[in-house]
Amino acid sequence: MLKVRGYRVQPEEVEHVLEQRAEIDEAAVVKHRPGEAEVLAAVVRLADGESLEHDAVIDHCSKFLPPYMVPDVILPVAELPRGSRGKADYNAVLELVESQSGDLGRLEHSGSGAG
């Protein structure tokens, strides 16, 4: 469980909704803190040959999740970082988000979910 902007968020629930999209094979959701803000970030592995339609993904999430659980940032990657057992490595996912934080502004949706 993550606590983002005072709300409890189950990352698995957000990941499940993201993975319902045909273009997303796998997702990992983490809390990112750029400066004083708290941001819900999703790192997604796209299906072969697919591209990310950011607004469509946000709209999809908005239909199934309360506003505070809709990812603020969606970062597409070729592969999710994995631990030795083959599962998503959430610490490495967070490091990936933090390393891309300069480029994330263009990926954020306008409704930051605080509400």
C-alpha atoms as a PDB file:
ATOM      1  CA  MET A   1       0.000   0.000   0.000  1.00  0.00           C
ATOM      2  CA  LEU A   2       1.126   3.539  -0.779  1.00  0.00           C
ATOM      3  CA  LYS A   3      -0.038   6.744   0.844  1.00  0.00           C
ATOM      4  CA  VAL A   4      -0.286   9.513  -1.746  1.00  0.00           C
ATOM      5  CA  ARG A   5      -1.575  12.986  -0.871  1.00  0.00           C
ATOM      6  CA  GLY A   6      -3.274  11.563   2.214  1.00  0.00           C
ATOM      7  CA  TYR A   7      -5.028   8.723   0.374  1.00  0.00           C
ATOM      8  CA  ARG A   8      -4.267   5.024   0.614  1.00  0.00           C
ATOM      9  CA  VAL A   9      -3.557   3.533  -2.790  1.00  0.00           C
ATOM     10  CA  GLN A  10      -3.221  -0.149  -3.626  1.00  0.00           C
ATOM     11  CA  PRO A  11      -0.677  -0.212  -6.489  1.00  0.00           C
ATOM     12  CA  GLU A  12      -1.952  -3.601  -7.649  1.00  0.00           C
ATOM     13  CA  GLU A  13      -5.424  -2.166  -8.231  1.00  0.00           C
ATOM     14  CA  VAL A  14      -4.046   0.634 -10.418  1.00  0.00           C
ATOM     15  CA  GLU A  15      -1.784  -1.821 -12.250  1.00  0.00           C
ATOM     16  CA  HIS A  16      -4.744  -4.103 -12.946  1.00  0.00           C
ATOM     17  CA  VAL A  17      -6.736  -1.260 -14.509  1.00  0.00           C
ATOM     18  CA  LEU A  18      -3.739  -0.188 -16.619  1.00  0.00           C
ATOM     19  CA  GLU A  19      -3.159  -3.746 -17.809  1.00  0.00           C
ATOM     20  CA  GLN A  20      -6.735  -3.913 -19.137  1.00  0.00           C
ATOM     21  CA  ARG A  21      -5.582  -1.663 -21.977  1.00  0.00           C
ATOM     22  CA  ALA A  22      -4.544  -3.629 -25.085  1.00  0.00           C
ATOM     23  CA  GLU A  23      -1.359  -1.613 -25.560  1.00  0.00           C
ATOM     24  CA  ILE A  24      -0.088  -2.269 -22.012  1.00  0.00           C
ATOM     25  CA  ASP A  25       1.381  -5.695 -21.244  1.00  0.00           C
ATOM     26  CA  GLU A  26       2.557  -4.924 -17.724  1.00  0.00           C
ATOM     27  CA  ALA A  27       2.551  -2.028 -15.266  1.00  0.00           C
ATOM     28  CA  ALA A  28       4.260  -1.069 -12.016  1.00  0.00           C
ATOM     29  CA  VAL A  29       2.990   1.832  -9.897  1.00  0.00           C
ATOM     30  CA  VAL A  30       5.116   3.783  -7.417  1.00  0.00           C
ATOM     31  CA  LYS A  31       4.958   6.997  -5.422  1.00  0.00           C
ATOM     32  CA  HIS A  32       7.388   9.642  -6.658  1.00  0.00           C
ATOM     33  CA  ARG A  33       8.297  12.809  -4.768  1.00  0.00           C
ATOM     34  CA  PRO A  34       9.568  15.506  -7.102  1.00  0.00           C
ATOM     35  CA  GLY A  35      10.288  18.334  -4.683  1.00  0.00           C
ATOM     36  CA  GLU A  36       7.425  18.819  -2.241  1.00  0.00           C
ATOM     37  CA  ALA A  37       4.820  17.077  -4.381  1.00  0.00           C
ATOM     38  CA  GLU A  38       3.626  13.480  -4.187  1.00  0.00           C
ATOM     39  CA  VAL A  39       2.971  11.908  -7.558  1.00  0.00           C
ATOM     40  CA  LEU A  40       1.553   8.523  -8.491  1.00  0.00           C
ATOM     41  CA  ALA A  41       3.731   7.231 -11.324  1.00  0.00           C
ATOM     42  CA  ALA A  42       3.060   4.237 -13.549  1.00  0.00           C
ATOM     43  CA  VAL A  43       5.822   2.576 -15.533  1.00  0.00           C
ATOM     44  CA  VAL A  44       4.356   0.453 -18.314  1.00  0.00           C
ATOM     45  CA  ARG A  45       5.742  -2.134 -20.709  1.00  0.00           C
ATOM     46  CA  LEU A  46       3.971  -1.826 -24.029  1.00  0.00           C
ATOM     47  CA  ALA A  47       2.816  -4.754 -26.135  1.00  0.00           C
ATOM     48  CA  ASP A  48       4.860  -5.426 -29.271  1.00  0.00           C
ATOM     49  CA  GLY A  49       4.253  -2.814 -31.928  1.00  0.00           C
ATOM     50  CA  GLU A  50       2.031  -0.682 -29.702  1.00  0.00           C
ATOM     51  CA  SER A  51       2.390   2.971 -28.817  1.00  0.00           C
ATOM     52  CA  LEU A  52       1.069   4.768 -25.758  1.00  0.00           C
ATOM     53  CA  GLU A  53      -2.035   6.882 -26.219  1.00  0.00           C
ATOM     54  CA  HIS A  54      -1.575   8.835 -23.001  1.00  0.00           C
ATOM     55  CA  ASP A  55      -4.941  10.614 -22.917  1.00  0.00           C
ATOM     56  CA  ALA A  56      -6.829   7.408 -23.717  1.00  0.00           C
ATOM     57  CA  VAL A  57      -5.050   5.590 -20.872  1.00  0.00           C
ATOM     58  CA  ILE A  58      -5.852   8.398 -18.414  1.00  0.00           C
ATOM     59  CA  ASP A  59      -9.496   8.396 -19.562  1.00  0.00           C
ATOM     60  CA  HIS A  60      -9.640   4.613 -19.097  1.00  0.00           C
ATOM     61  CA  CYS A  61      -8.215   4.863 -15.572  1.00  0.00           C
ATOM     62  CA  SER A  62     -10.655   7.664 -14.728  1.00  0.00           C
ATOM     63  CA  LYS A  63     -13.582   5.374 -15.562  1.00  0.00           C
ATOM     64  CA  PHE A  64     -12.492   2.670 -13.106  1.00  0.00           C
ATOM     65  CA  LEU A  65     -10.530   4.467 -10.380  1.00  0.00           C
ATOM     66  CA  PRO A  66     -11.198   7.382  -8.038  1.00  0.00           C
ATOM     67  CA  PRO A  67      -9.326  10.548  -9.067  1.00  0.00           C
ATOM     68  CA  TYR A  68      -6.605  10.144  -6.428  1.00  0.00           C
ATOM     69  CA  MET A  69      -5.690   6.713  -7.872  1.00  0.00           C
ATOM     70  CA  VAL A  70      -5.311   7.848 -11.490  1.00  0.00           C
ATOM     71  CA  PRO A  71      -1.581   7.969 -12.291  1.00  0.00           C
ATOM     72  CA  ASP A  72      -0.154  11.469 -12.587  1.00  0.00           C
ATOM     73  CA  VAL A  73       2.648  10.170 -14.787  1.00  0.00           C
ATOM     74  CA  ILE A  74       2.811   7.258 -17.232  1.00  0.00           C
ATOM     75  CA  LEU A  75       6.273   6.266 -18.409  1.00  0.00           C
ATOM     76  CA  PRO A  76       6.540   3.663 -21.193  1.00  0.00           C
ATOM     77  CA  VAL A  77       9.596   1.390 -21.112  1.00  0.00           C
ATOM     78  CA  ALA A  78      10.886  -1.517 -23.181  1.00  0.00           C
ATOM     79  CA  GLU A  79      11.135  -3.744 -20.079  1.00  0.00           C
ATOM     80  CA  LEU A  80      10.255  -3.331 -16.418  1.00  0.00           C
ATOM     81  CA  PRO A  81      13.179  -3.705 -14.028  1.00  0.00           C
ATOM     82  CA  ARG A  82      13.080  -7.149 -12.420  1.00  0.00           C
ATOM     83  CA  GLY A  83      14.473  -8.681  -9.283  1.00  0.00           C
ATOM     84  CA  SER A  84      16.235 -12.030  -9.031  1.00  0.00           C
ATOM     85  CA  ARG A  85      12.883 -13.892  -8.869  1.00  0.00           C
ATOM     86  CA  GLY A  86      11.581 -12.307 -12.065  1.00  0.00           C
ATOM     87  CA  LYS A  87       9.052  -9.999 -10.417  1.00  0.00           C
ATOM     88  CA  ALA A  88       8.967  -6.234 -10.924  1.00  0.00           C
ATOM     89  CA  ASP A  89      11.640  -4.550  -8.800  1.00  0.00           C
ATOM     90  CA  TYR A  90       9.745  -1.569  -7.365  1.00  0.00           C
ATOM     91  CA  ASN A  91      12.883   0.092  -5.986  1.00  0.00           C
ATOM     92  CA  ALA A  92      14.423  -0.015  -9.468  1.00  0.00           C
ATOM     93  CA  VAL A  93      11.129   1.220 -10.961  1.00  0.00           C
ATOM     94  CA  LEU A  94      11.227   4.199  -8.604  1.00  0.00           C
ATOM     95  CA  GLU A  95      14.858   4.877  -9.543  1.00  0.00           C
ATOM     96  CA  LEU A  96      13.839   4.788 -13.205  1.00  0.00           C
ATOM     97  CA  VAL A  97      11.049   7.307 -12.575  1.00  0.00           C
ATOM     98  CA  GLU A  98      13.410   9.546 -10.610  1.00  0.00           C
ATOM     99  CA  SER A  99      16.040   9.392 -13.355  1.00  0.00           C
ATOM    100  CA  GLN A 100      13.425  10.519 -15.892  1.00  0.00           C
ATOM    101  CA  SER A 101      11.902  13.212 -13.667  1.00  0.00           C
ATOM    102  CA  GLY A 102      13.199  16.024 -15.892  1.00  0.00           C
ATOM    103  CA  ASP A 103      11.190  14.629 -18.808  1.00  0.00           C
ATOM    104  CA  LEU A 104       8.092  13.637 -16.852  1.00  0.00           C
ATOM    105  CA  GLY A 105       6.378  17.029 -16.979  1.00  0.00           C
ATOM    106  CA  ARG A 106       5.302  16.393 -20.551  1.00  0.00           C
ATOM    107  CA  LEU A 107       3.811  13.039 -19.547  1.00  0.00           C
ATOM    108  CA  GLU A 108       1.733  14.253 -16.606  1.00  0.00           C
ATOM    109  CA  HIS A 109      -2.015  14.602 -16.971  1.00  0.00           C
ATOM    110  CA  SER A 110      -3.639  17.850 -15.966  1.00  0.00           C
ATOM    111  CA  GLY A 111      -6.031  16.464 -13.339  1.00  0.00           C
ATOM    112  CA  SER A 112      -3.505  15.645 -10.636  1.00  0.00           C
ATOM    113  CA  GLY A 113      -5.931  13.443  -8.774  1.00  0.00           C
ATOM    114  CA  ALA A 114      -5.952  15.501  -5.597  1.00  0.00           C
ATOM    115  CA  GLY A 115      -9.539  15.693  -4.762  1.00  0.00           C
END
